């Protein structure tokens, strides 16, 4: 997380135990413009962790050693996250070349979300687990 203004107060509610807090127990970090703060969990997935603040922030997620579909190598995989109000509802996907299938991960922001997919010109409803 990177602060864009002085006197930024982060409230972090981690989904699992992290270095500076217990999963499910929100904690606060105070930051100034340009400060960076890392939320890390060893061998745990931080999906469903929420980060909110009183000022605009930039939030990045990823891993230093991501294995993509057992390819035999690990790479840095990082992405800047969009604020919830900018999430859309139509997305495109371009498959890897010369591959016999791809693994996709969908994250819903609201309960009872339905995912509809158009694969090979056929519509299908995909259950979210």
Protein backbone atom coordinates (compact mmCIF):
# COMPACT_ATOMS: atom_id res chain seq x y z
CA UNK A 1 0.00 0.00 0.00
CA UNK A 2 1.36 3.44 -0.93
CA UNK A 3 0.08 6.66 0.65
CA UNK A 4 -0.56 9.59 -1.70
CA UNK A 5 -1.06 12.20 1.05
CA UNK A 6 0.26 13.03 4.51
CA UNK A 7 -1.77 11.92 7.52
CA UNK A 8 -3.20 8.87 5.78
CA UNK A 9 -4.78 6.36 8.14
CA UNK A 10 -5.05 2.80 6.84
CA UNK A 11 -7.49 0.37 8.39
CA UNK A 12 -6.54 -3.20 7.53
CA UNK A 13 -8.78 -6.18 8.18
CA UNK A 14 -6.70 -9.18 7.16
CA UNK A 15 -8.41 -12.45 6.26
CA UNK A 16 -5.58 -14.44 7.90
CA UNK A 17 -2.90 -13.73 10.50
CA UNK A 18 -0.28 -11.30 9.18
CA UNK A 19 3.00 -9.94 10.54
CA UNK A 20 1.32 -6.94 12.23
CA UNK A 21 -2.11 -8.30 13.08
CA UNK A 22 -4.52 -11.13 13.69
CA UNK A 23 -6.90 -12.30 10.98
CA UNK A 24 -10.38 -10.82 11.42
CA UNK A 25 -9.20 -8.11 13.82
CA UNK A 26 -8.84 -4.71 12.10
CA UNK A 27 -5.73 -2.64 12.87
CA UNK A 28 -4.60 0.87 11.92
CA UNK A 29 -1.40 2.16 10.31
CA UNK A 30 -0.56 5.88 9.98
CA UNK A 31 1.32 6.96 6.85
CA UNK A 32 2.58 10.06 5.06
CA UNK A 33 2.82 10.80 1.33
CA UNK A 34 5.14 8.33 -0.39
CA UNK A 35 5.23 5.89 2.52
CA UNK A 36 4.80 2.22 1.62
CA UNK A 37 3.44 -0.52 3.86
CA UNK A 38 3.55 -4.25 3.17
CA UNK A 39 0.91 -6.68 4.39
CA UNK A 40 2.37 -10.16 4.23
CA UNK A 41 1.28 -13.61 5.22
CA UNK A 42 3.67 -16.54 4.89
CA UNK A 43 2.12 -19.42 2.96
CA UNK A 44 -1.39 -17.94 3.21
CA UNK A 45 -3.74 -16.34 0.72
CA UNK A 46 -4.79 -12.78 1.57
CA UNK A 47 -7.95 -12.92 -0.57
CA UNK A 48 -10.82 -11.13 1.24
CA UNK A 49 -8.47 -8.83 3.13
CA UNK A 50 -9.85 -5.29 3.14
CA UNK A 51 -7.81 -2.09 3.16
CA UNK A 52 -9.53 1.27 3.61
CA UNK A 53 -8.19 4.75 4.25
CA UNK A 54 -9.17 8.35 4.86
CA UNK A 55 -7.09 9.50 1.83
CA UNK A 56 -6.44 8.07 -1.65
CA UNK A 57 -3.96 5.17 -1.70
CA UNK A 58 -2.42 2.85 -4.26
CA UNK A 59 -2.75 -0.83 -3.39
CA UNK A 60 -0.76 -3.58 -5.08
CA UNK A 61 -1.18 -7.33 -4.66
CA UNK A 62 0.92 -10.23 -5.79
CA UNK A 63 3.67 -12.64 -5.00
CA UNK A 64 7.43 -12.85 -5.45
CA UNK A 65 7.37 -16.49 -6.52
CA UNK A 66 4.17 -17.25 -8.39
CA UNK A 67 3.92 -20.63 -10.08
CA UNK A 68 1.62 -20.43 -13.07
CA UNK A 69 -0.02 -23.75 -13.89
CA UNK A 70 3.04 -25.84 -12.97
CA UNK A 71 5.26 -24.33 -15.65
CA UNK A 72 8.43 -25.19 -13.71
CA UNK A 73 9.51 -21.59 -13.08
CA UNK A 74 8.48 -18.92 -10.62
CA UNK A 75 8.04 -15.23 -11.34
CA UNK A 76 7.01 -11.98 -9.74
CA UNK A 77 3.28 -11.47 -10.30
CA UNK A 78 1.99 -8.03 -9.26
CA UNK A 79 -1.05 -5.95 -10.08
CA UNK A 80 -2.41 -2.62 -8.89
CA UNK A 81 -5.90 -3.08 -7.46
CA UNK A 82 -8.88 -1.00 -8.51
CA UNK A 83 -11.18 0.53 -5.91
CA UNK A 84 -14.40 -1.47 -5.48
CA UNK A 85 -16.50 1.27 -7.11
CA UNK A 86 -14.52 0.85 -10.36
CA UNK A 87 -15.09 -2.89 -10.73
CA UNK A 88 -16.97 -3.70 -13.91
CA UNK A 89 -19.21 -6.56 -14.93
CA UNK A 90 -17.91 -7.43 -18.39
CA UNK A 91 -14.38 -8.77 -18.83
CA UNK A 92 -12.38 -10.31 -21.63
CA UNK A 93 -9.85 -13.12 -21.49
CA UNK A 94 -7.09 -14.00 -23.94
CA UNK A 95 -5.82 -17.58 -23.52
CA UNK A 96 -2.15 -18.49 -23.49
CA UNK A 97 -0.89 -19.54 -26.91
CA UNK A 98 -0.41 -23.26 -27.56
CA UNK A 99 -1.95 -24.30 -24.25
CA UNK A 100 -4.63 -26.91 -23.59
CA UNK A 101 -6.67 -24.90 -21.09
CA UNK A 102 -6.20 -22.03 -18.69
CA UNK A 103 -6.94 -21.51 -15.00
CA UNK A 104 -9.01 -18.44 -14.15
CA UNK A 105 -9.85 -17.11 -10.70
CA UNK A 106 -12.93 -14.98 -10.13
CA UNK A 107 -13.48 -12.90 -7.01
CA UNK A 108 -16.98 -11.63 -6.16
CA UNK A 109 -17.42 -8.46 -4.13
CA UNK A 110 -21.03 -9.21 -3.17
CA UNK A 111 -22.78 -12.32 -1.86
CA UNK A 112 -24.95 -14.30 -4.30
CA UNK A 113 -23.01 -13.09 -7.33
CA UNK A 114 -23.59 -15.12 -10.48
CA UNK A 115 -20.96 -15.54 -13.17
CA UNK A 116 -22.13 -16.01 -16.74
CA UNK A 117 -19.66 -17.04 -19.40
CA UNK A 118 -19.77 -17.23 -23.16
CA UNK A 119 -17.41 -19.99 -24.24
CA UNK A 120 -17.26 -21.13 -27.85
CA UNK A 121 -20.37 -19.07 -28.65
CA UNK A 122 -22.43 -20.85 -25.96
CA UNK A 123 -23.65 -19.21 -22.78
CA UNK A 124 -23.21 -21.01 -19.49
CA UNK A 125 -23.67 -20.17 -15.82
CA UNK A 126 -20.58 -20.83 -13.71
CA UNK A 127 -21.04 -21.42 -9.96
CA UNK A 128 -18.81 -19.43 -7.61
CA UNK A 129 -17.39 -21.42 -4.73
